[in-house]
C-alpha atoms as a PDB file:
ATOM      1  CA  MET A   1     -24.463  27.419 -23.784  1.00  0.00           C
ATOM      2  CA  ASP A   2     -22.179  25.391 -21.539  1.00  0.00           C
ATOM      3  CA  ASP A   3     -21.355  28.505 -19.487  1.00  0.00           C
ATOM      4  CA  ARG A   4     -25.036  29.225 -18.879  1.00  0.00           C
ATOM      5  CA  ILE A   5     -25.683  25.659 -17.793  1.00  0.00           C
ATOM      6  CA  GLN A   6     -22.662  25.740 -15.524  1.00  0.00           C
ATOM      7  CA  GLU A   7     -23.850  29.055 -14.035  1.00  0.00           C
ATOM      8  CA  LEU A   8     -27.316  27.606 -13.434  1.00  0.00           C
ATOM      9  CA  LEU A   9     -25.852  24.497 -11.813  1.00  0.00           C
ATOM     10  CA  ASP A  10     -23.650  26.669  -9.587  1.00  0.00           C
ATOM     11  CA  LYS A  11     -26.693  28.676  -8.489  1.00  0.00           C
ATOM     12  CA  ILE A  12     -28.608  25.476  -7.763  1.00  0.00           C
ATOM     13  CA  ARG A  13     -25.648  24.086  -5.797  1.00  0.00           C
ATOM     14  CA  GLY A  14     -25.396  27.356  -3.814  1.00  0.00           C
ATOM     15  CA  THR A  15     -29.106  27.365  -3.061  1.00  0.00           C
ATOM     16  CA  ALA A  16     -29.010  23.721  -1.979  1.00  0.00           C
ATOM     17  CA  ALA A  17     -26.063  24.402   0.313  1.00  0.00           C
ATOM     18  CA  SER A  18     -27.849  27.408   1.805  1.00  0.00           C
ATOM     19  CA  VAL A  19     -31.007  25.376   2.391  1.00  0.00           C
ATOM     20  CA  GLY A  20     -28.932  22.609   3.966  1.00  0.00           C
ATOM     21  CA  GLU A  21     -27.223  25.048   6.324  1.00  0.00           C
ATOM     22  CA  THR A  22     -30.575  26.510   7.342  1.00  0.00           C
ATOM     23  CA  ALA A  23     -32.332  23.163   7.675  1.00  0.00           C
ATOM     24  CA  ALA A  24     -29.701  21.487   9.853  1.00  0.00           C
ATOM     25  CA  PRO A  25     -30.240  23.649  12.963  1.00  0.00           C
ATOM     26  CA  ALA A  26     -34.006  23.490  12.493  1.00  0.00           C
ATOM     27  CA  ALA A  27     -33.904  19.701  12.265  1.00  0.00           C
ATOM     28  CA  ARG A  28     -31.635  19.518  15.321  1.00  0.00           C
ATOM     29  CA  TYR A  29     -34.012  21.789  17.275  1.00  0.00           C
ATOM     30  CA  MET A  30     -37.037  19.736  16.235  1.00  0.00           C
ATOM     31  CA  GLY A  31     -35.275  16.569  17.313  1.00  0.00           C
ATOM     32  CA  GLN A  32     -34.498  18.070  20.710  1.00  0.00           C
ATOM     33  CA  ARG A  33     -38.052  19.340  21.063  1.00  0.00           C
ATOM     34  CA  ALA A  34     -39.407  15.886  20.199  1.00  0.00           C
ATOM     35  CA  GLY A  35     -37.102  14.442  22.856  1.00  0.00           C
ATOM     36  CA  GLU A  36     -38.448  16.902  25.429  1.00  0.00           C
ATOM     37  CA  LEU A  37     -42.022  15.992  24.536  1.00  0.00           C
ATOM     38  CA  MET A  38     -41.168  12.302  24.822  1.00  0.00           C
ATOM     39  CA  ASP A  39     -39.570  12.870  28.238  1.00  0.00           C
ATOM     40  CA  THR A  40     -42.673  14.745  29.397  1.00  0.00           C
ATOM     41  CA  ALA A  41     -44.939  11.957  28.124  1.00  0.00           C
ATOM     42  CA  LYS A  42     -42.861   9.333  29.959  1.00  0.00           C
ATOM     43  CA  LEU A  43     -43.048  11.368  33.171  1.00  0.00           C
ATOM     44  CA  ASN A  44     -46.815  11.756  32.773  1.00  0.00           C
ATOM     45  CA  ILE A  45     -47.152   7.977  32.465  1.00  0.00           C
ATOM     46  CA  GLN A  46     -45.098   7.573  35.644  1.00  0.00           C
ATOM     47  CA  ILE A  47     -47.343  10.150  37.370  1.00  0.00           C
ATOM     48  CA  PHE A  48     -50.421   8.204  36.269  1.00  0.00           C
ATOM     49  CA  ASN A  49     -48.935   4.964  37.635  1.00  0.00           C
ATOM     50  CA  GLN A  50     -47.903   6.680  40.885  1.00  0.00           C
ATOM     51  CA  ASN A  51     -51.449   8.006  41.343  1.00  0.00           C
ATOM     52  CA  ALA A  52     -52.799   4.483  40.797  1.00  0.00           C
ATOM     53  CA  GLU A  53     -50.393   3.148  43.433  1.00  0.00           C
ATOM     54  CA  ILE A  54     -51.498   5.859  45.877  1.00  0.00           C
ATOM     55  CA  SER A  55     -55.162   5.055  45.230  1.00  0.00           C
ATOM     56  CA  ASP A  56     -54.494   1.396  45.958  1.00  0.00           C
ATOM     57  CA  LEU A  57     -52.660   2.245  49.185  1.00  0.00           C
ATOM     58  CA  LEU A  58     -55.504   4.514  50.311  1.00  0.00           C
ATOM     59  CA  ARG A  59     -58.048   1.787  49.525  1.00  0.00           C
ATOM     60  CA  ARG A  60     -56.046  -0.736  51.547  1.00  0.00           C
ATOM     61  CA  MET A  61     -55.787   1.731  54.460  1.00  0.00           C
ATOM     62  CA  GLY A  62     -59.553   2.169  54.331  1.00  0.00           C
ATOM     63  CA  GLU A  63     -60.004  -1.589  54.572  1.00  0.00           C
ATOM     64  CA  VAL A  64     -57.722  -1.691  57.621  1.00  0.00           C
ATOM     65  CA  MET A  65     -59.697   1.120  59.261  1.00  0.00           C
ATOM     66  CA  TYR A  66     -63.033  -0.536  58.542  1.00  0.00           C
ATOM     67  CA  ARG A  67     -61.859  -3.912  59.903  1.00  0.00           C
ATOM     68  CA  THR A  68     -60.627  -2.095  63.002  1.00  0.00           C
ATOM     69  CA  HIS A  69     -64.039  -0.425  63.329  1.00  0.00           C
ATOM     70  CA  LEU A  70     -65.681  -3.882  63.188  1.00  0.00           C
ATOM     71  CA  ASN A  71     -63.237  -5.110  65.864  1.00  0.00           C
ATOM     72  CA  GLN A  72     -61.742  -7.530  63.354  1.00  0.00           C
ATOM     73  CA  GLU A  73     -58.056  -8.231  62.943  1.00  0.00           C
ATOM     74  CA  PRO A  74     -56.711  -6.133  60.009  1.00  0.00           C
ATOM     75  CA  GLU A  75     -54.987  -8.067  57.252  1.00  0.00           C
ATOM     76  CA  GLU A  76     -52.254  -5.438  56.873  1.00  0.00           C
ATOM     77  CA  ASP A  77     -50.232  -3.206  59.175  1.00  0.00           C
ATOM     78  CA  ILE A  78     -51.440   0.395  58.955  1.00  0.00           C
ATOM     79  CA  THR A  79     -47.996   1.769  59.860  1.00  0.00           C
ATOM     80  CA  GLN A  80     -46.412  -0.003  56.908  1.00  0.00           C
ATOM     81  CA  LEU A  81     -49.146   1.272  54.578  1.00  0.00           C
ATOM     82  CA  LEU A  82     -48.673   4.831  55.855  1.00  0.00           C
ATOM     83  CA  THR A  83     -44.925   4.603  55.248  1.00  0.00           C
ATOM     84  CA  GLN A  84     -45.532   3.347  51.723  1.00  0.00           C
ATOM     85  CA  ALA A  85     -48.052   6.138  51.109  1.00  0.00           C
ATOM     86  CA  ASP A  86     -45.578   8.775  52.335  1.00  0.00           C
ATOM     87  CA  ALA A  87     -42.944   7.429  49.940  1.00  0.00           C
ATOM     88  CA  ALA A  88     -45.432   7.295  47.061  1.00  0.00           C
ATOM     89  CA  TYR A  89     -46.544  10.899  47.638  1.00  0.00           C
ATOM     90  CA  ALA A  90     -42.909  12.013  47.806  1.00  0.00           C
ATOM     91  CA  ARG A  91     -42.158  10.258  44.506  1.00  0.00           C
ATOM     92  CA  LEU A  92     -45.255  11.850  42.955  1.00  0.00           C
ATOM     93  CA  GLY A  93     -43.987  15.270  44.007  1.00  0.00           C
ATOM     94  CA  GLU A  94     -40.586  14.575  42.437  1.00  0.00           C
ATOM     95  CA  LEU A  95     -42.197  13.534  39.158  1.00  0.00           C
ATOM     96  CA  LYS A  96     -44.366  16.652  39.079  1.00  0.00           C
ATOM     97  CA  ASP A  97     -41.283  18.804  39.754  1.00  0.00           C
ATOM     98  CA  GLN A  98     -39.490  17.148  36.835  1.00  0.00           C
ATOM     99  CA  VAL A  99     -42.413  17.866  34.497  1.00  0.00           C
ATOM    100  CA  ALA A 100     -42.527  21.476  35.672  1.00  0.00           C
ATOM    101  CA  ALA A 101     -38.792  21.835  35.045  1.00  0.00           C
ATOM    102  CA  LEU A 102     -39.164  20.474  31.517  1.00  0.00           C
ATOM    103  CA  ARG A 103     -42.020  22.852  30.783  1.00  0.00           C
ATOM    104  CA  GLN A 104     -40.215  25.873  32.228  1.00  0.00           C
ATOM    105  CA  GLY A 105     -36.933  25.254  30.484  1.00  0.00           C
ATOM    106  CA  ARG A 106     -35.694  24.871  26.966  1.00  0.00           C
ATOM    107  CA  ALA A 107     -32.954  22.848  25.393  1.00  0.00           C
ATOM    108  CA  CYS A 108     -29.728  24.438  24.206  1.00  0.00           C
ATOM    109  CA  PRO A 109     -29.539  24.178  20.406  1.00  0.00           C
ATOM    110  CA  ALA A 110     -25.808  23.451  20.590  1.00  0.00           C
ATOM    111  CA  CYS A 111     -25.453  20.851  23.344  1.00  0.00           C
ATOM    112  CA  GLY A 112     -29.024  19.940  24.376  1.00  0.00           C
ATOM    113  CA  ALA A 113     -28.638  20.954  28.043  1.00  0.00           C
ATOM    114  CA  LEU A 114     -31.807  22.101  29.810  1.00  0.00           C
ATOM    115  CA  CYS A 115     -31.729  25.879  30.344  1.00  0.00           C
ATOM    116  CA  ALA A 116     -34.176  28.206  32.075  1.00  0.00           C
ATOM    117  CA  LYS A 117     -36.666  30.075  29.909  1.00  0.00           C
ATOM    118  CA  GLY A 118     -35.124  33.475  30.694  1.00  0.00           C
ATOM    119  CA  ASP A 119     -31.526  32.414  29.984  1.00  0.00           C
ATOM    120  CA  HIS A 120     -29.805  34.090  27.056  1.00  0.00           C
ATOM    121  CA  PHE A 121     -26.805  31.733  27.056  1.00  0.00           C
ATOM    122  CA  CYS A 122     -26.451  28.022  27.832  1.00  0.00           C
ATOM    123  CA  LYS A 123     -25.087  27.333  31.317  1.00  0.00           C
ATOM    124  CA  GLU A 124     -23.219  24.270  30.016  1.00  0.00           C
ATOM    125  CA  CYS A 125     -21.564  25.351  26.763  1.00  0.00           C
ATOM    126  CA  GLY A 126     -22.170  29.112  26.616  1.00  0.00           C
ATOM    127  CA  ALA A 127     -23.986  29.041  23.282  1.00  0.00           C
ATOM    128  CA  ALA A 128     -26.493  31.798  22.597  1.00  0.00           C
ATOM    129  CA  LEU A 129     -30.098  30.767  23.141  1.00  0.00           C
END
């Protein structure tokens, strides 16, 4: 009877070890994927805020133009607003490029580096994707 119990316990131990070996990479991948989704969400919040800043700048430029139309002295310098708008649009483009890169790539399961979708091996560590 003791041999049968020992055999059963050995089988259970082997199965548990096998499940643990299989689950570890899956858990690591899910953690990396969650990190990618979190990064994308953070970038989308920054894009939302950047769009709000651009809308405010455009509104302020409109006020300057309307005051100029009424032959009134504008409260703000249009050149400064245009410079700020150019910088805001450039930043918006950078953020959108970062989101596109995250969506086009995938994380290496070994080191977490961002790799292109078509890559078969990680460019950082050489692990198979």
